[in-house]
Amino acid sequence: MGGAIAAAQLSTFMSRAASAAAAGEPPAFFEPDQFALIERIVDEMIPETDTPGAHALGVHHFFDFMLDEWAAPERQARYISGLEQLDAELNGPDGESFVDQAPEKKH
């Protein structure tokens, strides 16, 4: 029964995420710079090809909704800490943030 409920919730989250992405909604959980990083990472991981990529499907909003509405405070803190560490590691040698790097550098 729990699986059926979870599957229904995930479907709802994905629909909301796609709508939020299409509307350009701001994040509910992440700070704008954190959200921009998530947005660029998912776009790099699953780019648009002949099918929509992660960005077009709103995967960045999905992460935002899940952390805002389902995650316990300890898990939220762990994600933020990990995201800050990842951000530091993805900076270019000149200190340029991942979000601002040219596409070939991001890849």
C-alpha atoms as a PDB file:
ATOM      1  CA  MET A   1       0.000   0.000   0.000  1.00  0.00           C
ATOM      2  CA  GLY A   2       2.830   2.381   0.865  1.00  0.00           C
ATOM      3  CA  GLY A   3       4.390   1.765  -2.541  1.00  0.00           C
ATOM      4  CA  ALA A   4       1.167   2.704  -4.314  1.00  0.00           C
ATOM      5  CA  ILE A   5       0.878   5.901  -2.316  1.00  0.00           C
ATOM      6  CA  ALA A   6       4.534   6.780  -2.916  1.00  0.00           C
ATOM      7  CA  ALA A   7       4.187   6.145  -6.665  1.00  0.00           C
ATOM      8  CA  ALA A   8       1.155   8.427  -6.826  1.00  0.00           C
ATOM      9  CA  GLN A   9       3.019  11.138  -4.895  1.00  0.00           C
ATOM     10  CA  LEU A  10       6.071  10.870  -7.174  1.00  0.00           C
ATOM     11  CA  SER A  11       3.877  11.247 -10.229  1.00  0.00           C
ATOM     12  CA  THR A  12       2.311  14.354  -8.695  1.00  0.00           C
ATOM     13  CA  PHE A  13       5.735  15.803  -7.868  1.00  0.00           C
ATOM     14  CA  MET A  14       6.977  15.203 -11.414  1.00  0.00           C
ATOM     15  CA  SER A  15       3.886  16.870 -12.906  1.00  0.00           C
ATOM     16  CA  ARG A  16       4.310  19.839 -10.566  1.00  0.00           C
ATOM     17  CA  ALA A  17       8.016  20.011 -11.383  1.00  0.00           C
ATOM     18  CA  ALA A  18       7.405  20.089 -15.133  1.00  0.00           C
ATOM     19  CA  SER A  19       4.787  22.824 -14.692  1.00  0.00           C
ATOM     20  CA  ALA A  20       7.087  24.841 -12.405  1.00  0.00           C
ATOM     21  CA  ALA A  21       9.936  24.580 -14.916  1.00  0.00           C
ATOM     22  CA  ALA A  22       7.704  25.669 -17.792  1.00  0.00           C
ATOM     23  CA  ALA A  23       6.482  28.647 -15.756  1.00  0.00           C
ATOM     24  CA  GLY A  24       9.978  29.578 -14.532  1.00  0.00           C
ATOM     25  CA  GLU A  25       8.899  29.423 -10.901  1.00  0.00           C
ATOM     26  CA  PRO A  26      11.422  30.300  -8.182  1.00  0.00           C
ATOM     27  CA  PRO A  27      12.648  27.589  -5.806  1.00  0.00           C
ATOM     28  CA  ALA A  28      10.800  26.787  -2.588  1.00  0.00           C
ATOM     29  CA  PHE A  29      13.722  25.262  -0.673  1.00  0.00           C
ATOM     30  CA  PHE A  30      17.018  26.197  -2.308  1.00  0.00           C
ATOM     31  CA  GLU A  31      18.569  29.646  -2.355  1.00  0.00           C
ATOM     32  CA  PRO A  32      18.616  31.063  -5.914  1.00  0.00           C
ATOM     33  CA  ASP A  33      22.350  30.387  -6.416  1.00  0.00           C
ATOM     34  CA  GLN A  34      21.988  26.812  -5.120  1.00  0.00           C
ATOM     35  CA  PHE A  35      18.998  26.274  -7.388  1.00  0.00           C
ATOM     36  CA  ALA A  36      20.943  27.588 -10.372  1.00  0.00           C
ATOM     37  CA  LEU A  37      23.700  25.069  -9.620  1.00  0.00           C
ATOM     38  CA  ILE A  38      21.210  22.174  -9.408  1.00  0.00           C
ATOM     39  CA  GLU A  39      19.591  23.383 -12.618  1.00  0.00           C
ATOM     40  CA  ARG A  40      22.922  23.386 -14.501  1.00  0.00           C
ATOM     41  CA  ILE A  41      24.011  20.028 -13.087  1.00  0.00           C
ATOM     42  CA  VAL A  42      20.841  18.189 -14.128  1.00  0.00           C
ATOM     43  CA  ASP A  43      21.019  19.813 -17.549  1.00  0.00           C
ATOM     44  CA  GLU A  44      24.610  18.617 -17.968  1.00  0.00           C
ATOM     45  CA  MET A  45      23.825  15.094 -16.756  1.00  0.00           C
ATOM     46  CA  ILE A  46      20.755  14.540 -18.943  1.00  0.00           C
ATOM     47  CA  PRO A  47      20.860  17.059 -21.798  1.00  0.00           C
ATOM     48  CA  GLU A  48      18.142  17.620 -24.318  1.00  0.00           C
ATOM     49  CA  THR A  49      18.544  15.462 -27.426  1.00  0.00           C
ATOM     50  CA  ASP A  50      15.669  14.354 -29.610  1.00  0.00           C
ATOM     51  CA  THR A  51      13.792  14.009 -26.324  1.00  0.00           C
ATOM     52  CA  PRO A  52      13.455  16.548 -23.508  1.00  0.00           C
ATOM     53  CA  GLY A  53      16.346  16.729 -21.071  1.00  0.00           C
ATOM     54  CA  ALA A  54      16.268  16.900 -17.281  1.00  0.00           C
ATOM     55  CA  HIS A  55      15.943  20.692 -17.317  1.00  0.00           C
ATOM     56  CA  ALA A  56      12.886  20.693 -19.576  1.00  0.00           C
ATOM     57  CA  LEU A  57      11.279  18.009 -17.418  1.00  0.00           C
ATOM     58  CA  GLY A  58      11.840  20.081 -14.288  1.00  0.00           C
ATOM     59  CA  VAL A  59      14.169  17.705 -12.445  1.00  0.00           C
ATOM     60  CA  HIS A  60      15.693  20.678 -10.593  1.00  0.00           C
ATOM     61  CA  HIS A  61      12.210  21.596  -9.331  1.00  0.00           C
ATOM     62  CA  PHE A  62      11.618  17.961  -8.368  1.00  0.00           C
ATOM     63  CA  PHE A  63      14.690  18.080  -6.084  1.00  0.00           C
ATOM     64  CA  ASP A  64      13.482  21.387  -4.677  1.00  0.00           C
ATOM     65  CA  PHE A  65       9.981  20.056  -3.924  1.00  0.00           C
ATOM     66  CA  MET A  66      11.254  16.806  -2.414  1.00  0.00           C
ATOM     67  CA  LEU A  67      13.633  18.574  -0.064  1.00  0.00           C
ATOM     68  CA  ASP A  68      11.097  21.242   0.852  1.00  0.00           C
ATOM     69  CA  GLU A  69       8.121  18.968   1.440  1.00  0.00           C
ATOM     70  CA  TRP A  70       9.450  15.513   2.335  1.00  0.00           C
ATOM     71  CA  ALA A  71      12.976  15.720   3.714  1.00  0.00           C
ATOM     72  CA  ALA A  72      13.691  15.898   7.426  1.00  0.00           C
ATOM     73  CA  PRO A  73      15.785  18.871   8.591  1.00  0.00           C
ATOM     74  CA  GLU A  74      18.862  16.646   9.016  1.00  0.00           C
ATOM     75  CA  ARG A  75      18.593  15.425   5.424  1.00  0.00           C
ATOM     76  CA  GLN A  76      18.042  18.982   4.175  1.00  0.00           C
ATOM     77  CA  ALA A  77      21.214  20.088   5.972  1.00  0.00           C
ATOM     78  CA  ARG A  78      23.167  17.162   4.499  1.00  0.00           C
ATOM     79  CA  TYR A  79      22.058  18.060   0.963  1.00  0.00           C
ATOM     80  CA  ILE A  80      22.995  21.701   1.412  1.00  0.00           C
ATOM     81  CA  SER A  81      26.394  20.751   2.834  1.00  0.00           C
ATOM     82  CA  GLY A  82      27.018  18.348  -0.040  1.00  0.00           C
ATOM     83  CA  LEU A  83      25.889  20.909  -2.592  1.00  0.00           C
ATOM     84  CA  GLU A  84      28.255  23.519  -1.146  1.00  0.00           C
ATOM     85  CA  GLN A  85      31.128  21.033  -1.322  1.00  0.00           C
ATOM     86  CA  LEU A  86      30.239  20.083  -4.894  1.00  0.00           C
ATOM     87  CA  ASP A  87      30.015  23.748  -5.866  1.00  0.00           C
ATOM     88  CA  ALA A  88      33.526  24.362  -4.534  1.00  0.00           C
ATOM     89  CA  GLU A  89      34.882  21.337  -6.415  1.00  0.00           C
ATOM     90  CA  LEU A  90      33.226  22.360  -9.691  1.00  0.00           C
ATOM     91  CA  ASN A  91      34.677  25.860  -9.690  1.00  0.00           C
ATOM     92  CA  GLY A  92      37.145  26.423 -12.489  1.00  0.00           C
ATOM     93  CA  PRO A  93      40.863  26.897 -11.808  1.00  0.00           C
ATOM     94  CA  ASP A  94      40.330  30.655 -12.035  1.00  0.00           C
ATOM     95  CA  GLY A  95      37.541  30.499  -9.422  1.00  0.00           C
ATOM     96  CA  GLU A  96      34.774  30.767 -12.018  1.00  0.00           C
ATOM     97  CA  SER A  97      31.587  29.145 -10.746  1.00  0.00           C
ATOM     98  CA  PHE A  98      30.230  26.099 -12.524  1.00  0.00           C
ATOM     99  CA  VAL A  99      27.047  27.985 -13.370  1.00  0.00           C
ATOM    100  CA  ASP A 100      29.010  30.682 -15.223  1.00  0.00           C
ATOM    101  CA  GLN A 101      31.416  28.369 -17.046  1.00  0.00           C
ATOM    102  CA  ALA A 102      31.231  27.898 -20.799  1.00  0.00           C
ATOM    103  CA  PRO A 103      29.421  24.716 -21.895  1.00  0.00           C
ATOM    104  CA  GLU A 104      32.619  22.964 -22.961  1.00  0.00           C
ATOM    105  CA  LYS A 105      34.133  23.553 -19.503  1.00  0.00           C
ATOM    106  CA  LYS A 106      31.042  22.209 -17.768  1.00  0.00           C
ATOM    107  CA  HIS A 107      31.097  19.034 -19.786  1.00  0.00           C
END
